[in-house]
Amino acid sequence: MASAALLVFVVFLVGIAVSIPIGTSMVLGSLAPILLMGKGGSIVQVLNNTFSGANSTPILAVPLFILGGVIMAEGGISRRLFNFFAYFVGRIPGGVPCAVILTCLFYGAISGSGPATTAAVGSMCIPFMVSLGYERKWSAGLIAVAGGLGVIIPPSIPFVLYSLATGVSTGALFLGGIFPGILIGLFMMTYAVFYCKTKGEDRALINAKMDELKGNGFWTLFKESFWALMCPIIVLGGIYAGFVTPTEAAVISVFYALIVSLFIYKSVKFKDLLPMLCSSVKTYGGLAFVLAFATAFGRVLSLTKATSAVTKFITENFHSSWTVLTVLVIIFLLLGMVMDTGPAIIILAPVLLPAVQELGVHDVHFGVILVCCLSIGLATPPFGLDLFVAGNLAEEQPMAVAKKAIPFIVAFLIALFIITYVQWFSTALL
């Protein structure tokens, strides 16, 4: 069986190396031991597992959270959130970048997606920051890294995928992501304040903008921001209070986004809904294919005892959770540079989780570490998706944005180091 398990991984990795789509590579890896060695089940089993993987109620949470995020993005929610946070912190040194990071943190609780957070917040904040005298590339680098918080702060699409792949409670994962997301945001804000104090800001221009914002009055600003601020409270509160499941909460997020955008803010019209649906389907389409075949791929790995082999290798060669987590964090960071978050979680989580659990690592803690590592990959070259989104918004080359993003990535990594070795941050709310 060891040779069959090895064949699954070899075919899968070769497929990725020659630029075959990940979903197709999973299919080829699943079929290889069956066709070449007569092991790993049968083609009929692969097909049955594929359909059972797609025919899942929890999986509906993914496209629904995507759709809710798209509607909120088009509804101008990010601008209202930014104005609310800027009202409180805009006047302090580095306050405007801090307001941007806070907006990404809060918007992540609406969209559940890194690229969606980067696009929605960046489209408004990058021009605004440039108008206040901040360097365009630096502003884009800030948005690219801060956008990654969208996959850590709940509700998070990667956490839903991790739950689907491993069976770990989605609600527990959402709780586990709160403190790590806040900690990462705090480290990024610390660097932003340090940068602004050392490099300087156009305080006269910033104060004039803040005076203009404050001139509207707090209650006017609060009324404009109230419905945007309530979205994560309603969605997450419903889950944690036990009123709804994560899938039902995803449905609520869509209807809430529709009601707020269509009838309260009136920033979206009915004619805009069809393009939004099309955009959501395009975003989810490729991932849906991977999710369907993930069940079949995992079943073949189980039948060829690949998961047991990985668990045995790790437990025999690593005797400390700290050691194995260090190695895995390095691997995850490298993978995040070249592999999309969703497929990476679907493939890695079910294979590695049993091994790290043997060494005493909590299943929620491992999920948080995996998602945090891959979220950094969204802002790291050569294929960081957030870099391309922020670069396009700023009309700058992604690599030029990446250079300015490096200090923010370092701040993210320092927070990741603490999160990895202090399990409390992931499990305190459980």
Protein backbone atom coordinates (compact mmCIF):
# COMPACT_ATOMS: atom_id res chain seq x y z
CA MET A 1 0.00 0.00 0.00
CA ALA A 2 2.95 2.33 0.59
CA SER A 3 3.78 2.35 -3.11
CA ALA A 4 0.15 3.07 -3.99
CA ALA A 5 0.06 5.98 -1.56
CA LEU A 6 3.29 7.34 -3.01
CA LEU A 7 1.86 7.04 -6.53
CA VAL A 8 -1.15 9.19 -5.55
CA PHE A 9 1.09 12.03 -4.38
CA VAL A 10 3.57 11.72 -7.26
CA VAL A 11 0.88 11.90 -9.94
CA PHE A 12 -0.86 14.77 -8.14
CA LEU A 13 2.34 16.81 -7.71
CA VAL A 14 3.52 16.15 -11.26
CA GLY A 15 0.13 17.31 -12.52
CA ILE A 16 0.48 20.59 -10.62
CA ALA A 17 4.10 20.99 -11.75
CA VAL A 18 3.10 20.82 -15.43
CA SER A 19 0.29 23.35 -14.87
CA ILE A 20 -2.64 20.93 -14.92
CA PRO A 21 -5.51 22.47 -12.89
CA ILE A 22 -5.57 21.32 -9.26
CA GLY A 23 -8.99 19.68 -9.58
CA THR A 24 -7.88 17.66 -12.60
CA SER A 25 -4.62 16.73 -10.85
CA MET A 26 -6.68 15.39 -7.93
CA VAL A 27 -8.70 13.26 -10.35
CA LEU A 28 -5.54 11.86 -11.96
CA GLY A 29 -3.98 11.18 -8.54
CA SER A 30 -7.14 9.38 -7.41
CA LEU A 31 -7.32 7.20 -10.53
CA ALA A 32 -3.60 6.38 -10.82
CA PRO A 33 -3.40 3.58 -8.17
CA ILE A 34 -6.70 2.11 -9.39
CA LEU A 35 -5.73 1.97 -13.07
CA LEU A 36 -2.03 1.13 -12.67
CA MET A 37 -1.98 -1.04 -9.54
CA GLY A 38 -5.56 -2.15 -8.92
CA LYS A 39 -5.49 -0.55 -5.48
CA GLY A 40 -7.39 2.33 -3.83
CA GLY A 41 -10.92 1.13 -4.58
CA SER A 42 -12.62 1.34 -7.97
CA ILE A 43 -13.62 3.97 -10.52
CA VAL A 44 -17.25 3.55 -9.45
CA GLN A 45 -16.26 4.35 -5.85
CA VAL A 46 -14.40 7.45 -7.02
CA LEU A 47 -17.50 8.65 -8.87
CA ASN A 48 -19.78 7.90 -5.90
CA ASN A 49 -17.45 9.73 -3.52
CA THR A 50 -17.29 12.68 -5.91
CA PHE A 51 -21.06 13.04 -5.99
CA SER A 52 -21.34 12.58 -2.22
CA GLY A 53 -18.70 15.28 -1.76
CA ALA A 54 -20.72 17.72 -3.85
CA ASN A 55 -24.07 16.69 -2.32
CA SER A 56 -23.42 18.30 1.07
CA THR A 57 -25.47 20.88 2.94
CA PRO A 58 -22.50 22.47 4.78
CA ILE A 59 -20.79 23.11 1.44
CA LEU A 60 -23.56 25.59 0.59
CA ALA A 61 -22.07 28.02 3.11
CA VAL A 62 -19.14 28.70 0.77
CA PRO A 63 -21.00 30.11 -2.29
CA LEU A 64 -23.50 31.90 -0.04
CA PHE A 65 -20.80 33.72 1.94
CA ILE A 66 -19.14 34.61 -1.38
CA LEU A 67 -22.42 36.04 -2.70
CA GLY A 68 -23.08 37.99 0.51
CA GLY A 69 -19.58 39.47 0.31
CA VAL A 70 -20.05 40.50 -3.34
CA ILE A 71 -23.33 42.27 -2.56
CA MET A 72 -21.80 44.07 0.42
CA ALA A 73 -18.80 45.14 -1.67
CA GLU A 74 -21.03 46.61 -4.37
CA GLY A 75 -23.18 48.22 -1.70
CA GLY A 76 -20.40 50.58 -0.56
CA ILE A 77 -20.11 49.04 2.90
CA SER A 78 -16.32 49.51 3.09
CA ARG A 79 -16.55 53.31 2.80
CA ARG A 80 -19.01 53.54 5.70
CA LEU A 81 -16.87 51.28 7.87
CA PHE A 82 -13.73 53.29 7.10
CA ASN A 83 -15.43 56.58 7.97
CA PHE A 84 -16.59 55.12 11.28
CA PHE A 85 -13.11 53.95 12.32
CA ALA A 86 -11.37 57.05 10.95
CA TYR A 87 -13.64 59.19 13.14
CA PHE A 88 -11.97 57.71 16.24
CA VAL A 89 -8.34 57.12 15.21
CA GLY A 90 -7.78 59.41 12.23
CA ARG A 91 -6.12 62.20 14.22
CA ILE A 92 -3.44 60.12 15.94
CA PRO A 93 -0.07 59.56 14.16
CA GLY A 94 -0.58 56.72 11.71
CA GLY A 95 -4.30 56.86 12.41
CA VAL A 96 -5.41 56.72 8.77
CA PRO A 97 -3.47 53.49 8.01
CA CYS A 98 -4.78 52.08 11.31
CA ALA A 99 -8.34 52.91 10.21
CA VAL A 100 -7.66 51.03 6.96
CA ILE A 101 -6.46 47.95 8.88
CA LEU A 102 -9.48 48.13 11.20
CA THR A 103 -11.73 48.35 8.14
CA CYS A 104 -10.11 45.23 6.68
CA LEU A 105 -10.56 43.43 10.00
CA PHE A 106 -14.22 44.31 10.19
CA TYR A 107 -14.90 43.89 6.48
CA GLY A 108 -13.36 40.41 6.70
CA ALA A 109 -16.21 39.57 9.06
CA ILE A 110 -18.56 40.42 6.19
CA SER A 111 -16.86 38.99 3.10
CA GLY A 112 -14.91 36.00 4.50
CA SER A 113 -12.47 36.37 1.59
CA GLY A 114 -9.01 37.92 1.32
CA PRO A 115 -9.20 39.10 -2.32
CA ALA A 116 -12.76 40.42 -1.77
CA THR A 117 -11.60 42.40 1.28
CA THR A 118 -8.59 43.75 -0.64
CA ALA A 119 -10.75 44.80 -3.59
CA ALA A 120 -13.58 46.36 -1.58
CA VAL A 121 -11.41 48.26 0.91
CA GLY A 122 -8.59 49.04 -1.53
CA SER A 123 -10.81 50.54 -4.23
CA MET A 124 -11.86 53.23 -1.76
CA CYS A 125 -8.87 53.54 0.61
CA ILE A 126 -5.93 53.60 -1.84
CA PRO A 127 -7.11 56.76 -3.68
CA PHE A 128 -8.05 58.34 -0.34
CA MET A 129 -4.64 57.64 1.20
CA VAL A 130 -2.83 58.93 -1.89
CA SER A 131 -4.90 62.14 -1.70
CA LEU A 132 -3.59 62.59 1.86
CA GLY A 133 0.03 62.31 0.77
CA TYR A 134 0.77 58.63 1.45
CA GLU A 135 2.92 56.86 -1.13
CA ARG A 136 0.80 54.92 -3.63
CA LYS A 137 2.91 51.72 -3.52
CA TRP A 138 3.06 51.77 0.28
CA SER A 139 -0.72 52.20 0.49
CA ALA A 140 -1.23 49.28 -1.91
CA GLY A 141 1.21 47.12 0.10
CA LEU A 142 -0.72 47.87 3.28
CA ILE A 143 -4.02 46.92 1.64
CA ALA A 144 -2.56 43.73 0.11
CA VAL A 145 -1.40 42.37 3.49
CA ALA A 146 -4.34 43.68 5.54
CA GLY A 147 -6.73 42.12 3.02
CA GLY A 148 -5.46 38.73 4.14
CA LEU A 149 -7.22 39.32 7.45
CA GLY A 150 -10.44 38.63 5.56
CA VAL A 151 -9.73 34.89 5.67
CA ILE A 152 -8.89 34.84 9.39
CA ILE A 153 -11.64 36.95 10.96
CA PRO A 154 -14.90 34.94 11.00
CA PRO A 155 -16.99 34.12 9.09
CA SER A 156 -14.10 32.81 7.01
CA ILE A 157 -14.47 30.77 3.83
CA PRO A 158 -11.14 28.93 4.43
CA PHE A 159 -12.37 27.92 7.90
CA VAL A 160 -15.53 26.51 6.31
CA LEU A 161 -13.35 24.53 3.87
CA TYR A 162 -11.16 23.26 6.73
CA SER A 163 -14.32 22.15 8.54
CA LEU A 164 -15.58 20.34 5.43
CA ALA A 165 -12.22 18.60 4.96
CA THR A 166 -11.70 17.50 8.57
CA GLY A 167 -15.08 17.50 10.31
CA VAL A 168 -13.96 20.06 12.90
CA SER A 169 -16.79 22.33 14.08
CA THR A 170 -17.16 25.43 11.89
CA GLY A 171 -18.41 27.46 14.85
CA ALA A 172 -15.35 26.47 16.90
CA LEU A 173 -13.06 27.50 14.04
CA PHE A 174 -14.81 30.86 13.76
CA LEU A 175 -14.23 31.43 17.47
CA GLY A 176 -10.62 30.32 17.11
CA GLY A 177 -9.92 32.95 14.45
CA ILE A 178 -11.04 36.00 16.46
CA PHE A 179 -8.03 36.58 18.75
CA PRO A 180 -5.40 35.64 16.10
CA GLY A 181 -6.98 38.06 13.62
CA ILE A 182 -7.01 40.86 16.18
CA LEU A 183 -3.40 40.14 17.20
CA ILE A 184 -2.19 40.27 13.60
CA GLY A 185 -4.08 43.53 13.06
CA LEU A 186 -2.47 45.04 16.18
CA PHE A 187 1.05 44.17 15.00
CA MET A 188 0.35 45.66 11.59
CA MET A 189 -1.02 48.83 13.16
CA THR A 190 2.07 49.07 15.38
CA TYR A 191 4.29 49.08 12.31
CA ALA A 192 2.01 51.58 10.52
CA VAL A 193 2.28 54.02 13.45
CA PHE A 194 6.08 53.54 13.61
CA TYR A 195 6.40 54.17 9.85
CA CYS A 196 4.27 57.31 9.96
CA LYS A 197 6.17 58.71 12.94
CA THR A 198 9.57 58.13 11.34
CA LYS A 199 8.70 59.05 7.75
CA GLY A 200 6.23 61.79 8.61
CA GLU A 201 2.72 62.62 7.45
CA ASP A 202 0.94 65.66 6.04
CA ARG A 203 -0.81 66.35 9.34
CA ALA A 204 -2.41 69.58 8.15
CA LEU A 205 -4.13 67.84 5.24
CA ILE A 206 -5.10 64.82 7.36
CA ASN A 207 -6.53 67.00 10.13
CA ALA A 208 -8.52 68.99 7.58
CA LYS A 209 -10.06 65.75 6.26
CA MET A 210 -10.80 64.55 9.77
CA ASP A 211 -12.41 67.89 10.64
CA GLU A 212 -14.59 67.50 7.57
CA LEU A 213 -15.55 63.99 8.66
CA LYS A 214 -16.24 65.05 12.25
CA GLY A 215 -18.28 68.00 10.99
CA ASN A 216 -21.06 65.60 10.07
CA GLY A 217 -21.44 64.65 13.72
CA PHE A 218 -21.03 61.28 15.41
CA TRP A 219 -24.68 60.28 15.31
CA THR A 220 -24.99 60.95 11.59
CA LEU A 221 -21.89 58.85 10.98
CA PHE A 222 -23.12 56.12 13.33
CA LYS A 223 -26.50 55.95 11.58
CA GLU A 224 -24.75 55.56 8.22
CA SER A 225 -22.44 52.84 9.57
CA PHE A 226 -24.91 51.04 11.84
CA TRP A 227 -26.22 48.51 9.33
CA ALA A 228 -22.72 47.68 8.10
CA LEU A 229 -21.52 47.20 11.69
CA MET A 230 -24.48 44.94 12.50
CA CYS A 231 -23.84 42.38 9.74
CA PRO A 232 -21.10 40.32 11.48
CA ILE A 233 -22.87 40.71 14.82
CA ILE A 234 -26.07 39.19 13.42
CA VAL A 235 -24.31 36.41 11.50
CA LEU A 236 -21.81 35.38 14.18
CA GLY A 237 -24.20 36.03 17.05
CA GLY A 238 -26.73 33.69 15.47
CA ILE A 239 -24.12 30.92 15.18
CA TYR A 240 -22.69 31.24 18.68
CA ALA A 241 -26.11 31.62 20.30
CA GLY A 242 -27.14 28.35 18.67
CA PHE A 243 -30.01 29.88 16.69
CA VAL A 244 -28.56 28.95 13.28
CA THR A 245 -25.96 26.69 11.72
CA PRO A 246 -23.08 28.23 9.73
CA THR A 247 -24.90 27.31 6.50
CA GLU A 248 -28.09 29.00 7.70
CA ALA A 249 -26.01 31.99 8.81
CA ALA A 250 -24.63 32.22 5.26
CA VAL A 251 -28.21 32.42 3.95
CA ILE A 252 -28.96 35.15 6.47
CA SER A 253 -25.86 37.09 5.35
CA VAL A 254 -27.13 37.09 1.75
CA PHE A 255 -30.62 38.31 2.66
CA TYR A 256 -29.21 40.86 5.08
CA ALA A 257 -26.83 42.17 2.40
CA LEU A 258 -29.72 42.41 -0.07
CA ILE A 259 -32.03 44.26 2.33
CA VAL A 260 -29.32 46.71 3.45
CA SER A 261 -27.97 47.40 -0.05
CA LEU A 262 -31.33 47.54 -1.87
CA PHE A 263 -33.66 49.22 0.60
CA ILE A 264 -31.62 50.95 3.34
CA TYR A 265 -28.47 52.29 1.64
CA LYS A 266 -30.10 52.03 -1.83
CA SER A 267 -26.62 51.62 -3.29
CA VAL A 268 -27.60 48.58 -5.36
CA LYS A 269 -30.43 48.23 -7.87
CA PHE A 270 -32.31 45.08 -8.86
CA LYS A 271 -30.70 45.14 -12.30
CA ASP A 272 -27.30 44.80 -10.60
CA LEU A 273 -28.17 41.47 -8.96
CA LEU A 274 -27.67 39.24 -11.99
CA PRO A 275 -24.07 40.41 -12.61
CA MET A 276 -23.38 39.85 -8.90
CA LEU A 277 -24.73 36.31 -9.12
CA CYS A 278 -22.57 35.68 -12.19
CA SER A 279 -19.51 37.03 -10.39
CA SER A 280 -20.16 34.75 -7.40
CA VAL A 281 -20.63 31.70 -9.62
CA LYS A 282 -17.36 32.41 -11.44
CA THR A 283 -15.56 32.74 -8.13
CA TYR A 284 -17.01 29.53 -6.75
CA GLY A 285 -17.02 27.45 -9.95
CA GLY A 286 -13.41 26.28 -9.91
CA LEU A 287 -13.44 25.73 -6.16
CA ALA A 288 -16.65 23.68 -6.41
CA PHE A 289 -14.91 21.26 -8.78
CA VAL A 290 -12.04 20.85 -6.32
CA LEU A 291 -14.42 20.37 -3.39
CA ALA A 292 -16.35 17.66 -5.23
CA PHE A 293 -13.24 15.64 -5.99
CA ALA A 294 -11.66 16.29 -2.58
CA THR A 295 -13.88 13.62 -1.02
CA ALA A 296 -12.85 11.07 -3.63
CA PHE A 297 -9.20 12.08 -3.31
CA GLY A 298 -9.35 11.75 0.48
CA ARG A 299 -11.06 8.36 0.21
CA VAL A 300 -8.32 7.04 -2.08
CA LEU A 301 -5.68 8.37 0.32
CA SER A 302 -7.44 6.52 3.12
CA LEU A 303 -7.69 3.23 1.19
CA THR A 304 -4.01 3.42 0.21
CA LYS A 305 -3.17 4.24 3.86
CA ALA A 306 -1.43 7.46 2.81
CA THR A 307 -2.75 9.34 5.83
CA SER A 308 -1.49 6.64 8.18
CA ALA A 309 1.90 6.70 6.46
CA VAL A 310 2.19 10.48 6.90
CA THR A 311 1.13 10.21 10.54
CA LYS A 312 3.68 7.47 11.18
CA PHE A 313 6.47 9.42 9.48
CA ILE A 314 5.78 12.58 11.49
CA THR A 315 5.36 10.90 14.88
CA GLU A 316 8.51 8.78 14.38
CA ASN A 317 10.70 11.71 13.28
CA PHE A 318 9.27 14.54 15.39
CA HIS A 319 8.77 14.14 19.12
CA SER A 320 7.70 17.69 19.95
CA SER A 321 4.67 19.64 18.75
CA TRP A 322 6.85 22.76 18.62
CA THR A 323 9.27 21.11 16.21
CA VAL A 324 6.66 19.74 13.85
CA LEU A 325 4.69 23.01 13.87
CA THR A 326 7.87 24.92 12.97
CA VAL A 327 8.49 22.66 9.98
CA LEU A 328 4.85 22.76 8.88
CA VAL A 329 4.65 26.55 9.17
CA ILE A 330 7.64 26.88 6.84
CA ILE A 331 6.03 24.45 4.37
CA PHE A 332 2.67 26.25 4.55
CA LEU A 333 4.31 29.64 3.98
CA LEU A 334 6.10 28.33 0.90
CA LEU A 335 2.96 26.65 -0.42
CA GLY A 336 0.98 29.82 0.12
CA MET A 337 3.24 31.58 -2.36
CA VAL A 338 2.30 29.25 -5.22
CA MET A 339 -0.99 27.61 -4.29
CA ASP A 340 -4.49 28.98 -3.75
CA THR A 341 -5.82 28.90 -0.18
CA GLY A 342 -8.90 26.72 -0.80
CA PRO A 343 -7.26 23.76 -2.57
CA ALA A 344 -4.29 23.84 -0.19
CA ILE A 345 -6.57 23.45 2.82
CA ILE A 346 -8.68 20.74 1.22
CA ILE A 347 -5.61 18.69 0.34
CA LEU A 348 -3.34 19.27 3.36
CA ALA A 349 -5.74 19.42 6.32
CA PRO A 350 -7.12 15.84 6.32
CA VAL A 351 -3.66 14.36 5.67
CA LEU A 352 -1.76 16.28 8.35
CA LEU A 353 -4.35 16.77 11.10
CA PRO A 354 -4.19 13.18 12.48
CA ALA A 355 -0.41 13.44 12.77
CA VAL A 356 -0.33 16.73 14.67
CA GLN A 357 -3.16 15.55 16.93
CA GLU A 358 -0.96 12.59 17.90
CA LEU A 359 1.55 15.18 19.17
CA GLY A 360 -1.08 17.05 21.19
CA VAL A 361 -1.95 19.91 18.84
CA HIS A 362 -5.59 21.02 19.07
CA ASP A 363 -7.56 20.57 15.84
CA VAL A 364 -8.83 24.17 15.91
CA HIS A 365 -5.33 25.51 16.66
CA PHE A 366 -3.91 23.63 13.69
CA GLY A 367 -6.65 25.03 11.46
CA VAL A 368 -5.89 28.58 12.59
CA ILE A 369 -2.16 28.12 11.92
CA LEU A 370 -2.84 26.67 8.46
CA VAL A 371 -5.21 29.50 7.47
CA CYS A 372 -2.90 32.21 8.87
CA CYS A 373 0.09 30.84 6.93
CA LEU A 374 -1.84 30.60 3.69
CA SER A 375 -3.31 34.09 4.17
CA ILE A 376 0.24 35.50 4.17
CA GLY A 377 0.68 33.73 0.84
CA LEU A 378 -2.05 35.97 -0.59
CA ALA A 379 0.34 38.91 -0.27
CA THR A 380 3.65 37.23 -1.14
CA PRO A 381 5.19 36.91 -4.62
CA PRO A 382 5.20 35.38 -7.13
CA PHE A 383 1.49 34.48 -7.19
CA GLY A 384 -0.04 36.31 -4.22
CA LEU A 385 -3.55 37.14 -5.42
CA ASP A 386 -3.96 40.13 -3.11
CA LEU A 387 -0.80 41.66 -4.60
CA PHE A 388 -2.33 41.57 -8.07
CA VAL A 389 -5.64 42.99 -6.81
CA ALA A 390 -3.95 45.82 -4.89
CA GLY A 391 -1.51 46.44 -7.75
CA ASN A 392 -4.33 46.80 -10.26
CA LEU A 393 -6.21 49.18 -7.98
CA ALA A 394 -3.09 51.31 -7.47
CA GLU A 395 -2.02 50.98 -11.12
CA GLU A 396 1.35 49.66 -9.98
CA GLN A 397 3.29 46.48 -10.77
CA PRO A 398 2.60 43.68 -8.24
CA MET A 399 6.32 43.23 -7.50
CA ALA A 400 6.69 46.95 -6.74
CA VAL A 401 3.77 46.63 -4.32
CA ALA A 402 5.34 43.48 -2.85
CA LYS A 403 8.51 45.39 -1.86
CA LYS A 404 6.48 47.90 0.13
CA ALA A 405 4.43 45.08 1.65
CA ILE A 406 7.49 43.35 3.17
CA PRO A 407 7.46 45.23 6.54
CA PHE A 408 3.75 44.46 6.96
CA ILE A 409 4.46 40.81 6.14
CA VAL A 410 7.19 40.80 8.81
CA ALA A 411 4.71 42.20 11.35
CA PHE A 412 2.26 39.46 10.28
CA LEU A 413 4.99 36.81 10.72
CA ILE A 414 5.84 38.01 14.24
CA ALA A 415 2.18 37.66 15.20
CA LEU A 416 2.07 34.24 13.49
CA PHE A 417 5.06 33.13 15.60
CA ILE A 418 3.14 33.99 18.79
CA ILE A 419 -0.08 32.37 17.53
CA THR A 420 1.76 29.17 16.58
CA TYR A 421 3.47 28.61 19.91
CA VAL A 422 0.81 30.03 22.22
CA GLN A 423 -2.22 27.83 21.63
CA TRP A 424 -4.31 30.01 23.96
CA PHE A 425 -5.00 32.54 21.20
CA SER A 426 -6.81 29.89 19.15
CA THR A 427 -8.60 28.06 21.94
CA ALA A 428 -9.38 30.70 24.60
CA LEU A 429 -12.95 31.24 23.37
CA LEU A 430 -13.79 27.55 22.87
